[in-house]
Amino acid sequence: HVDRFFRGLVADLMQQRRTENVIRNDFLQLMVELE
């Protein structure tokens, strides 16, 4: 259930970061930049 929690959370947040033109001060934003 912890595995599912993180997978679901990251999938939703990465989808937002990839489609929205919003810069955030967090680690996932750095992953989008790396992509």
PDB file of all heavy atoms in Angstrom:
ATOM      1  N   HIS A   1       0.829  -1.208   0.000  1.00  0.00           N
ATOM      2  CA  HIS A   1       0.000   0.000   0.000  1.00  0.00           C
ATOM      3  C   HIS A   1       0.864   1.259   0.000  1.00  0.00           C
ATOM      4  O   HIS A   1       0.473   2.295  -0.554  1.00  0.00           O
ATOM      5  CB  HIS A   1      -0.967   0.009   1.186  1.00  0.00           C
ATOM      6  CG  HIS A   1      -0.342   0.244   2.524  1.00  0.00           C
ATOM      7  ND1 HIS A   1       0.412  -0.708   3.180  1.00  0.00           N
ATOM      8  CD2 HIS A   1      -0.354   1.338   3.328  1.00  0.00           C
ATOM      9  CE1 HIS A   1       0.824  -0.221   4.336  1.00  0.00           C
ATOM     10  NE2 HIS A   1       0.386   1.019   4.448  1.00  0.00           N
ATOM     11  N   VAL A   2       2.080   1.198   0.567  1.00  0.00           N
ATOM     12  CA  VAL A   2       3.001   2.338   0.512  1.00  0.00           C
ATOM     13  C   VAL A   2       3.550   2.489  -0.906  1.00  0.00           C
ATOM     14  O   VAL A   2       3.680   3.600  -1.419  1.00  0.00           O
ATOM     15  CB  VAL A   2       4.148   2.162   1.521  1.00  0.00           C
ATOM     16  CG1 VAL A   2       5.137   3.316   1.421  1.00  0.00           C
ATOM     17  CG2 VAL A   2       3.596   2.054   2.942  1.00  0.00           C
ATOM     18  N   ASP A   3       3.860   1.351  -1.547  1.00  0.00           N
ATOM     19  CA  ASP A   3       4.311   1.360  -2.942  1.00  0.00           C
ATOM     20  C   ASP A   3       3.263   2.027  -3.824  1.00  0.00           C
ATOM     21  O   ASP A   3       3.576   2.900  -4.650  1.00  0.00           O
ATOM     22  CB  ASP A   3       4.572  -0.080  -3.389  1.00  0.00           C
ATOM     23  CG  ASP A   3       5.113  -0.183  -4.799  1.00  0.00           C
ATOM     24  OD1 ASP A   3       4.332   0.046  -5.743  1.00  0.00           O
ATOM     25  OD2 ASP A   3       6.307  -0.492  -4.982  1.00  0.00           O
ATOM     26  N   ARG A   4       1.994   1.648  -3.629  1.00  0.00           N
ATOM     27  CA  ARG A   4       0.911   2.228  -4.428  1.00  0.00           C
ATOM     28  C   ARG A   4       0.751   3.721  -4.150  1.00  0.00           C
ATOM     29  O   ARG A   4       0.485   4.510  -5.068  1.00  0.00           O
ATOM     30  CB  ARG A   4      -0.411   1.494  -4.148  1.00  0.00           C
ATOM     31  CG  ARG A   4      -0.466   0.080  -4.701  1.00  0.00           C
ATOM     32  CD  ARG A   4      -1.894  -0.449  -4.670  1.00  0.00           C
ATOM     33  NE  ARG A   4      -2.391  -0.553  -3.292  1.00  0.00           N
ATOM     34  CZ  ARG A   4      -2.250  -1.626  -2.534  1.00  0.00           C
ATOM     35  NH1 ARG A   4      -1.630  -2.705  -3.000  1.00  0.00           N
ATOM     36  NH2 ARG A   4      -2.736  -1.652  -1.301  1.00  0.00           N
ATOM     37  N   PHE A   5       0.916   4.115  -2.886  1.00  0.00           N
ATOM     38  CA  PHE A   5       0.806   5.527  -2.505  1.00  0.00           C
ATOM     39  C   PHE A   5       1.809   6.378  -3.282  1.00  0.00           C
ATOM     40  O   PHE A   5       1.443   7.400  -3.877  1.00  0.00           O
ATOM     41  CB  PHE A   5       1.039   5.664  -0.995  1.00  0.00           C
ATOM     42  CG  PHE A   5       1.200   7.089  -0.519  1.00  0.00           C
ATOM     43  CD1 PHE A   5       0.093   7.877  -0.255  1.00  0.00           C
ATOM     44  CD2 PHE A   5       2.468   7.639  -0.343  1.00  0.00           C
ATOM     45  CE1 PHE A   5       0.245   9.196   0.183  1.00  0.00           C
ATOM     46  CE2 PHE A   5       2.632   8.950   0.090  1.00  0.00           C
ATOM     47  CZ  PHE A   5       1.517   9.732   0.354  1.00  0.00           C
ATOM     48  N   PHE A   6       3.064   5.953  -3.301  1.00  0.00           N
ATOM     49  CA  PHE A   6       4.099   6.735  -3.977  1.00  0.00           C
ATOM     50  C   PHE A   6       3.931   6.701  -5.491  1.00  0.00           C
ATOM     51  O   PHE A   6       4.110   7.725  -6.158  1.00  0.00           O
ATOM     52  CB  PHE A   6       5.490   6.225  -3.579  1.00  0.00           C
ATOM     53  CG  PHE A   6       5.988   6.808  -2.297  1.00  0.00           C
ATOM     54  CD1 PHE A   6       5.922   6.090  -1.119  1.00  0.00           C
ATOM     55  CD2 PHE A   6       6.505   8.092  -2.263  1.00  0.00           C
ATOM     56  CE1 PHE A   6       6.382   6.633   0.074  1.00  0.00           C
ATOM     57  CE2 PHE A   6       6.961   8.653  -1.082  1.00  0.00           C
ATOM     58  CZ  PHE A   6       6.891   7.918   0.094  1.00  0.00           C
ATOM     59  N   ARG A   7       3.595   5.548  -6.039  1.00  0.00           N
ATOM     60  CA  ARG A   7       3.407   5.475  -7.497  1.00  0.00           C
ATOM     61  C   ARG A   7       2.281   6.387  -7.954  1.00  0.00           C
ATOM     62  O   ARG A   7       2.418   7.131  -8.944  1.00  0.00           O
ATOM     63  CB  ARG A   7       3.112   4.030  -7.916  1.00  0.00           C
ATOM     64  CG  ARG A   7       4.316   3.092  -7.840  1.00  0.00           C
ATOM     65  CD  ARG A   7       3.908   1.674  -8.209  1.00  0.00           C
ATOM     66  NE  ARG A   7       4.989   0.730  -8.002  1.00  0.00           N
ATOM     67  CZ  ARG A   7       5.886   0.412  -8.935  1.00  0.00           C
ATOM     68  NH1 ARG A   7       5.826   0.962 -10.131  1.00  0.00           N
ATOM     69  NH2 ARG A   7       6.836  -0.468  -8.671  1.00  0.00           N
ATOM     70  N   GLY A   8       1.168   6.343  -7.245  1.00  0.00           N
ATOM     71  CA  GLY A   8       0.028   7.170  -7.624  1.00  0.00           C
ATOM     72  C   GLY A   8       0.325   8.648  -7.484  1.00  0.00           C
ATOM     73  O   GLY A   8      -0.003   9.457  -8.372  1.00  0.00           O
ATOM     74  N   LEU A   9       0.974   9.017  -6.381  1.00  0.00           N
ATOM     75  CA  LEU A   9       1.294  10.420  -6.133  1.00  0.00           C
ATOM     76  C   LEU A   9       2.250  10.960  -7.197  1.00  0.00           C
ATOM     77  O   LEU A   9       2.021  12.030  -7.782  1.00  0.00           O
ATOM     78  CB  LEU A   9       1.913  10.568  -4.739  1.00  0.00           C
ATOM     79  CG  LEU A   9       2.349  11.973  -4.341  1.00  0.00           C
ATOM     80  CD1 LEU A   9       1.139  12.894  -4.226  1.00  0.00           C
ATOM     81  CD2 LEU A   9       3.124  11.949  -3.027  1.00  0.00           C
ATOM     82  N   VAL A  10       3.323  10.241  -7.464  1.00  0.00           N
ATOM     83  CA  VAL A  10       4.324  10.708  -8.416  1.00  0.00           C
ATOM     84  C   VAL A  10       3.748  10.755  -9.835  1.00  0.00           C
ATOM     85  O   VAL A  10       4.016  11.691 -10.593  1.00  0.00           O
ATOM     86  CB  VAL A  10       5.585   9.822  -8.376  1.00  0.00           C
ATOM     87  CG1 VAL A  10       6.553  10.181  -9.492  1.00  0.00           C
ATOM     88  CG2 VAL A  10       6.280   9.968  -7.018  1.00  0.00           C
ATOM     89  N   ALA A  11       2.953   9.762 -10.196  1.00  0.00           N
ATOM     90  CA  ALA A  11       2.346   9.749 -11.534  1.00  0.00           C
ATOM     91  C   ALA A  11       1.477  10.993 -11.750  1.00  0.00           C
ATOM     92  O   ALA A  11       1.559  11.656 -12.793  1.00  0.00           O
ATOM     93  CB  ALA A  11       1.525   8.485 -11.728  1.00  0.00           C
ATOM     94  N   ASP A  12       0.659  11.339 -10.747  1.00  0.00           N
ATOM     95  CA  ASP A  12      -0.216  12.507 -10.865  1.00  0.00           C
ATOM     96  C   ASP A  12       0.599  13.801 -10.924  1.00  0.00           C
ATOM     97  O   ASP A  12       0.325  14.688 -11.753  1.00  0.00           O
ATOM     98  CB  ASP A  12      -1.176  12.562  -9.674  1.00  0.00           C
ATOM     99  CG  ASP A  12      -2.225  11.457  -9.714  1.00  0.00           C
ATOM    100  OD1 ASP A  12      -2.393  10.846 -10.792  1.00  0.00           O
ATOM    101  OD2 ASP A  12      -2.852  11.195  -8.670  1.00  0.00           O
ATOM    102  N   LEU A  13       1.598  13.899 -10.050  1.00  0.00           N
ATOM    103  CA  LEU A  13       2.390  15.129  -9.997  1.00  0.00           C
ATOM    104  C   LEU A  13       3.243  15.314 -11.247  1.00  0.00           C
ATOM    105  O   LEU A  13       3.364  16.433 -11.767  1.00  0.00           O
ATOM    106  CB  LEU A  13       3.275  15.120  -8.747  1.00  0.00           C
ATOM    107  CG  LEU A  13       2.545  15.228  -7.406  1.00  0.00           C
ATOM    108  CD1 LEU A  13       3.524  15.058  -6.245  1.00  0.00           C
ATOM    109  CD2 LEU A  13       1.823  16.568  -7.292  1.00  0.00           C
ATOM    110  N   MET A  14       3.815  14.238 -11.756  1.00  0.00           N
ATOM    111  CA  MET A  14       4.631  14.346 -12.967  1.00  0.00           C
ATOM    112  C   MET A  14       3.773  14.707 -14.176  1.00  0.00           C
ATOM    113  O   MET A  14       4.217  15.460 -15.055  1.00  0.00           O
ATOM    114  CB  MET A  14       5.389  13.045 -13.220  1.00  0.00           C
ATOM    115  CG  MET A  14       6.563  12.817 -12.296  1.00  0.00           C
ATOM    116  SD  MET A  14       7.847  14.091 -12.438  1.00  0.00           S
ATOM    117  CE  MET A  14       8.573  13.679 -14.034  1.00  0.00           C
ATOM    118  N   GLN A  15       2.566  14.210 -14.224  1.00  0.00           N
ATOM    119  CA  GLN A  15       1.665  14.568 -15.306  1.00  0.00           C
ATOM    120  C   GLN A  15       1.374  16.071 -15.280  1.00  0.00           C
ATOM    121  O   GLN A  15       1.380  16.745 -16.320  1.00  0.00           O
ATOM    122  CB  GLN A  15       0.352  13.781 -15.188  1.00  0.00           C
ATOM    123  CG  GLN A  15      -0.694  14.107 -16.242  1.00  0.00           C
ATOM    124  CD  GLN A  15      -0.237  13.745 -17.658  1.00  0.00           C
ATOM    125  OE1 GLN A  15       0.621  12.877 -17.834  1.00  0.00           O
ATOM    126  NE2 GLN A  15      -0.816  14.395 -18.656  1.00  0.00           N
ATOM    127  N   GLN A  16       1.167  16.613 -14.056  1.00  0.00           N
ATOM    128  CA  GLN A  16       0.938  18.053 -13.926  1.00  0.00           C
ATOM    129  C   GLN A  16       2.174  18.843 -14.355  1.00  0.00           C
ATOM    130  O   GLN A  16       2.064  19.843 -15.074  1.00  0.00           O
ATOM    131  CB  GLN A  16       0.600  18.387 -12.468  1.00  0.00           C
ATOM    132  CG  GLN A  16      -0.728  17.832 -11.990  1.00  0.00           C
ATOM    133  CD  GLN A  16      -0.942  18.086 -10.500  1.00  0.00           C
ATOM    134  OE1 GLN A  16      -0.281  18.936  -9.898  1.00  0.00           O
ATOM    135  NE2 GLN A  16      -1.860  17.333  -9.901  1.00  0.00           N
ATOM    136  N   ARG A  17       3.357  18.396 -13.907  1.00  0.00           N
ATOM    137  CA  ARG A  17       4.580  19.148 -14.206  1.00  0.00           C
ATOM    138  C   ARG A  17       4.887  19.142 -15.703  1.00  0.00           C
ATOM    139  O   ARG A  17       5.437  20.101 -16.235  1.00  0.00           O
ATOM    140  CB  ARG A  17       5.777  18.553 -13.454  1.00  0.00           C
ATOM    141  CG  ARG A  17       5.583  18.439 -11.958  1.00  0.00           C
ATOM    142  CD  ARG A  17       5.351  19.815 -11.308  1.00  0.00           C
ATOM    143  NE  ARG A  17       4.913  19.658  -9.939  1.00  0.00           N
ATOM    144  CZ  ARG A  17       5.731  19.462  -8.918  1.00  0.00           C
ATOM    145  NH1 ARG A  17       7.027  19.405  -9.134  1.00  0.00           N
ATOM    146  NH2 ARG A  17       5.255  19.334  -7.709  1.00  0.00           N
ATOM    147  N   ARG A  18       4.565  18.031 -16.361  1.00  0.00           N
ATOM    148  CA  ARG A  18       4.875  17.927 -17.784  1.00  0.00           C
ATOM    149  C   ARG A  18       3.924  18.750 -18.650  1.00  0.00           C
ATOM    150  O   ARG A  18       4.272  19.149 -19.762  1.00  0.00           O
ATOM    151  CB  ARG A  18       4.811  16.465 -18.218  1.00  0.00           C
ATOM    152  CG  ARG A  18       5.987  15.608 -17.724  1.00  0.00           C
ATOM    153  CD  ARG A  18       5.680  14.133 -17.834  1.00  0.00           C
ATOM    154  NE  ARG A  18       6.832  13.292 -17.486  1.00  0.00           N
ATOM    155  CZ  ARG A  18       6.752  11.991 -17.195  1.00  0.00           C
ATOM    156  NH1 ARG A  18       5.566  11.387 -17.205  1.00  0.00           N
ATOM    157  NH2 ARG A  18       7.841  11.312 -16.891  1.00  0.00           N
ATOM    158  N   THR A  19       2.720  18.987 -18.143  1.00  0.00           N
ATOM    159  CA  THR A  19       1.708  19.659 -18.970  1.00  0.00           C
ATOM    160  C   THR A  19       1.494  21.115 -18.572  1.00  0.00           C
ATOM    161  O   THR A  19       1.114  21.942 -19.399  1.00  0.00           O
ATOM    162  CB  THR A  19       0.359  18.921 -18.882  1.00  0.00           C
ATOM    163  OG1 THR A  19      -0.041  18.822 -17.505  1.00  0.00           O
ATOM    164  CG2 THR A  19       0.490  17.522 -19.475  1.00  0.00           C
ATOM    165  N   GLU A  20       1.740  21.450 -17.281  1.00  0.00           N
ATOM    166  CA  GLU A  20       1.534  22.828 -16.829  1.00  0.00           C
ATOM    167  C   GLU A  20       2.834  23.623 -16.947  1.00  0.00           C
ATOM    168  O   GLU A  20       3.911  23.114 -16.683  1.00  0.00           O
ATOM    169  CB  GLU A  20       1.064  22.848 -15.367  1.00  0.00           C
ATOM    170  CG  GLU A  20      -0.288  22.174 -15.158  1.00  0.00           C
ATOM    171  CD  GLU A  20      -0.669  22.162 -13.691  1.00  0.00           C
ATOM    172  OE1 GLU A  20       0.066  22.775 -12.880  1.00  0.00           O
ATOM    173  OE2 GLU A  20      -1.685  21.539 -13.350  1.00  0.00           O
ATOM    174  N   ASN A  21       2.708  24.858 -17.324  1.00  0.00           N
ATOM    175  CA  ASN A  21       3.886  25.732 -17.429  1.00  0.00           C
ATOM    176  C   ASN A  21       4.094  26.472 -16.103  1.00  0.00           C
ATOM    177  O   ASN A  21       4.056  27.692 -16.019  1.00  0.00           O
ATOM    178  CB  ASN A  21       3.688  26.722 -18.579  1.00  0.00           C
ATOM    179  CG  ASN A  21       4.968  27.479 -18.870  1.00  0.00           C
ATOM    180  OD1 ASN A  21       6.070  26.996 -18.600  1.00  0.00           O
ATOM    181  ND2 ASN A  21       4.822  28.685 -19.418  1.00  0.00           N
ATOM    182  N   VAL A  22       4.318  25.672 -15.042  1.00  0.00           N
ATOM    183  CA  VAL A  22       4.503  26.222 -13.695  1.00  0.00           C
ATOM    184  C   VAL A  22       5.833  25.725 -13.147  1.00  0.00           C
ATOM    185  O   VAL A  22       6.123  24.530 -13.177  1.00  0.00           O
ATOM    186  CB  VAL A  22       3.362  25.798 -12.747  1.00  0.00           C
ATOM    187  CG1 VAL A  22       3.612  26.356 -11.346  1.00  0.00           C
ATOM    188  CG2 VAL A  22       2.026  26.276 -13.283  1.00  0.00           C
ATOM    189  N   ILE A  23       6.663  26.627 -12.669  1.00  0.00           N
ATOM    190  CA  ILE A  23       7.961  26.271 -12.095  1.00  0.00           C
ATOM    191  C   ILE A  23       7.810  26.120 -10.588  1.00  0.00           C
ATOM    192  O   ILE A  23       7.328  27.024  -9.904  1.00  0.00           O
ATOM    193  CB  ILE A  23       9.025  27.347 -12.404  1.00  0.00           C
ATOM    194  CG1 ILE A  23       9.138  27.564 -13.911  1.00  0.00           C
ATOM    195  CG2 ILE A  23      10.374  26.935 -11.806  1.00  0.00           C
ATOM    196  CD1 ILE A  23       9.548  26.327 -14.679  1.00  0.00           C
ATOM    197  N   ARG A  24       8.234  24.975 -10.069  1.00  0.00           N
ATOM    198  CA  ARG A  24       8.134  24.715  -8.630  1.00  0.00           C
ATOM    199  C   ARG A  24       9.530  24.465  -8.051  1.00  0.00           C
ATOM    200  O   ARG A  24      10.426  24.016  -8.759  1.00  0.00           O
ATOM    201  CB  ARG A  24       7.226  23.508  -8.358  1.00  0.00           C
ATOM    202  CG  ARG A  24       5.804  23.704  -8.867  1.00  0.00           C
ATOM    203  CD  ARG A  24       4.944  22.477  -8.611  1.00  0.00           C
ATOM    204  NE  ARG A  24       3.624  22.617  -9.181  1.00  0.00           N
ATOM    205  CZ  ARG A  24       2.578  23.154  -8.561  1.00  0.00           C
ATOM    206  NH1 ARG A  24       2.717  23.614  -7.330  1.00  0.00           N
ATOM    207  NH2 ARG A  24       1.411  23.238  -9.150  1.00  0.00           N
ATOM    208  N   ASN A  25       9.683  24.733  -6.766  1.00  0.00           N
ATOM    209  CA  ASN A  25      10.967  24.577  -6.099  1.00  0.00           C
ATOM    210  C   ASN A  25      11.064  23.213  -5.411  1.00  0.00           C
ATOM    211  O   ASN A  25      11.154  23.117  -4.194  1.00  0.00           O
ATOM    212  CB  ASN A  25      11.173  25.699  -5.059  1.00  0.00           C
ATOM    213  CG  ASN A  25      11.177  27.063  -5.678  1.00  0.00           C
ATOM    214  OD1 ASN A  25      11.716  27.257  -6.764  1.00  0.00           O
ATOM    215  ND2 ASN A  25      10.569  28.029  -5.008  1.00  0.00           N
ATOM    216  N   ASP A  26      11.027  22.146  -6.203  1.00  0.00           N
ATOM    217  CA  ASP A  26      11.076  20.828  -5.586  1.00  0.00           C
ATOM    218  C   ASP A  26      11.823  19.825  -6.468  1.00  0.00           C
ATOM    219  O   ASP A  26      12.212  20.111  -7.601  1.00  0.00           O
ATOM    220  CB  ASP A  26       9.663  20.314  -5.253  1.00  0.00           C
ATOM    221  CG  ASP A  26       8.749  20.224  -6.464  1.00  0.00           C
ATOM    222  OD1 ASP A  26       9.237  19.884  -7.553  1.00  0.00           O
ATOM    223  OD2 ASP A  26       7.539  20.480  -6.328  1.00  0.00           O
ATOM    224  N   PHE A  27      12.014  18.644  -5.918  1.00  0.00           N
ATOM    225  CA  PHE A  27      12.802  17.594  -6.564  1.00  0.00           C
ATOM    226  C   PHE A  27      12.156  17.109  -7.864  1.00  0.00           C
ATOM    227  O   PHE A  27      12.860  16.874  -8.858  1.00  0.00           O
ATOM    228  CB  PHE A  27      12.945  16.421  -5.577  1.00  0.00           C
ATOM    229  CG  PHE A  27      13.712  15.251  -6.113  1.00  0.00           C
ATOM    230  CD1 PHE A  27      15.103  15.254  -6.148  1.00  0.00           C
ATOM    231  CD2 PHE A  27      13.057  14.118  -6.587  1.00  0.00           C
ATOM    232  CE1 PHE A  27      15.821  14.170  -6.637  1.00  0.00           C
ATOM    233  CE2 PHE A  27      13.761  13.030  -7.068  1.00  0.00           C
ATOM    234  CZ  PHE A  27      15.147  13.050  -7.092  1.00  0.00           C
ATOM    235  N   LEU A  28      10.842  16.976  -7.887  1.00  0.00           N
ATOM    236  CA  LEU A  28      10.176  16.494  -9.099  1.00  0.00           C
ATOM    237  C   LEU A  28      10.334  17.487 -10.247  1.00  0.00           C
ATOM    238  O   LEU A  28      10.417  17.085 -11.411  1.00  0.00           O
ATOM    239  CB  LEU A  28       8.695  16.220  -8.824  1.00  0.00           C
ATOM    240  CG  LEU A  28       8.373  14.999  -7.952  1.00  0.00           C
ATOM    241  CD1 LEU A  28       6.869  14.797  -7.849  1.00  0.00           C
ATOM    242  CD2 LEU A  28       9.030  13.736  -8.504  1.00  0.00           C
ATOM    243  N   GLN A  29      10.391  18.781  -9.926  1.00  0.00           N
ATOM    244  CA  GLN A  29      10.618  19.769 -10.967  1.00  0.00           C
ATOM    245  C   GLN A  29      11.995  19.574 -11.596  1.00  0.00           C
ATOM    246  O   GLN A  29      12.179  19.723 -12.805  1.00  0.00           O
ATOM    247  CB  GLN A  29      10.517  21.179 -10.381  1.00  0.00           C
ATOM    248  CG  GLN A  29      10.598  22.288 -11.410  1.00  0.00           C
ATOM    249  CD  GLN A  29       9.387  22.299 -12.346  1.00  0.00           C
ATOM    250  OE1 GLN A  29       8.259  22.111 -11.887  1.00  0.00           O
ATOM    251  NE2 GLN A  29       9.615  22.509 -13.635  1.00  0.00           N
ATOM    252  N   LEU A  30      12.971  19.191 -10.758  1.00  0.00           N
ATOM    253  CA  LEU A  30      14.317  18.919 -11.268  1.00  0.00           C
ATOM    254  C   LEU A  30      14.317  17.692 -12.171  1.00  0.00           C
ATOM    255  O   LEU A  30      15.080  17.621 -13.138  1.00  0.00           O
ATOM    256  CB  LEU A  30      15.287  18.718 -10.104  1.00  0.00           C
ATOM    257  CG  LEU A  30      15.463  19.924  -9.169  1.00  0.00           C
ATOM    258  CD1 LEU A  30      16.444  19.587  -8.050  1.00  0.00           C
ATOM    259  CD2 LEU A  30      15.932  21.152  -9.924  1.00  0.00           C
ATOM    260  N   MET A  31      13.473  16.725 -11.888  1.00  0.00           N
ATOM    261  CA  MET A  31      13.357  15.545 -12.752  1.00  0.00           C
ATOM    262  C   MET A  31      12.779  15.938 -14.120  1.00  0.00           C
ATOM    263  O   MET A  31      13.200  15.412 -15.153  1.00  0.00           O
ATOM    264  CB  MET A  31      12.464  14.486 -12.095  1.00  0.00           C
ATOM    265  CG  MET A  31      13.061  13.823 -10.859  1.00  0.00           C
ATOM    266  SD  MET A  31      14.579  12.865 -11.202  1.00  0.00           S
ATOM    267  CE  MET A  31      15.838  14.024 -10.615  1.00  0.00           C
ATOM    268  N   VAL A  32      11.825  16.862 -14.122  1.00  0.00           N
ATOM    269  CA  VAL A  32      11.262  17.346 -15.383  1.00  0.00           C
ATOM    270  C   VAL A  32      12.343  18.070 -16.188  1.00  0.00           C
ATOM    271  O   VAL A  32      12.454  17.894 -17.411  1.00  0.00           O
ATOM    272  CB  VAL A  32      10.063  18.283 -15.116  1.00  0.00           C
ATOM    273  CG1 VAL A  32       9.590  18.927 -16.421  1.00  0.00           C
ATOM    274  CG2 VAL A  32       8.919  17.510 -14.472  1.00  0.00           C
ATOM    275  N   GLU A  33      13.161  18.871 -15.513  1.00  0.00           N
ATOM    276  CA  GLU A  33      14.265  19.564 -16.198  1.00  0.00           C
ATOM    277  C   GLU A  33      15.254  18.556 -16.791  1.00  0.00           C
ATOM    278  O   GLU A  33      15.743  18.745 -17.916  1.00  0.00           O
ATOM    279  CB  GLU A  33      14.994  20.470 -15.206  1.00  0.00           C
ATOM    280  CG  GLU A  33      14.198  21.684 -14.760  1.00  0.00           C
ATOM    281  CD  GLU A  33      14.973  22.523 -13.754  1.00  0.00           C
ATOM    282  OE1 GLU A  33      16.200  22.349 -13.659  1.00  0.00           O
ATOM    283  OE2 GLU A  33      14.341  23.344 -13.065  1.00  0.00           O
ATOM    284  N   LEU A  34      15.532  17.493 -16.042  1.00  0.00           N
ATOM    285  CA  LEU A  34      16.446  16.466 -16.541  1.00  0.00           C
ATOM    286  C   LEU A  34      15.884  15.774 -17.773  1.00  0.00           C
ATOM    287  O   LEU A  34      16.620  15.452 -18.713  1.00  0.00           O
ATOM    288  CB  LEU A  34      16.725  15.430 -15.441  1.00  0.00           C
ATOM    289  CG  LEU A  34      17.953  15.683 -14.564  1.00  0.00           C
ATOM    290  CD1 LEU A  34      17.997  14.677 -13.428  1.00  0.00           C
ATOM    291  CD2 LEU A  34      19.229  15.580 -15.387  1.00  0.00           C
ATOM    292  N   GLU A  35      14.575  15.533 -17.773  1.00  0.00           N
ATOM    293  CA  GLU A  35      13.936  14.922 -18.951  1.00  0.00           C
ATOM    294  C   GLU A  35      14.171  15.792 -20.185  1.00  0.00           C
ATOM    295  O   GLU A  35      14.496  15.272 -21.258  1.00  0.00           O
ATOM    296  CB  GLU A  35      12.430  14.766 -18.713  1.00  0.00           C
ATOM    297  CG  GLU A  35      12.044  13.619 -17.795  1.00  0.00           C
ATOM    298  CD  GLU A  35      10.540  13.445 -17.713  1.00  0.00           C
ATOM    299  OE1 GLU A  35       9.813  14.448 -17.857  1.00  0.00           O
ATOM    300  OE2 GLU A  35      10.085  12.305 -17.517  1.00  0.00           O
TER     301      GLU A  35
END
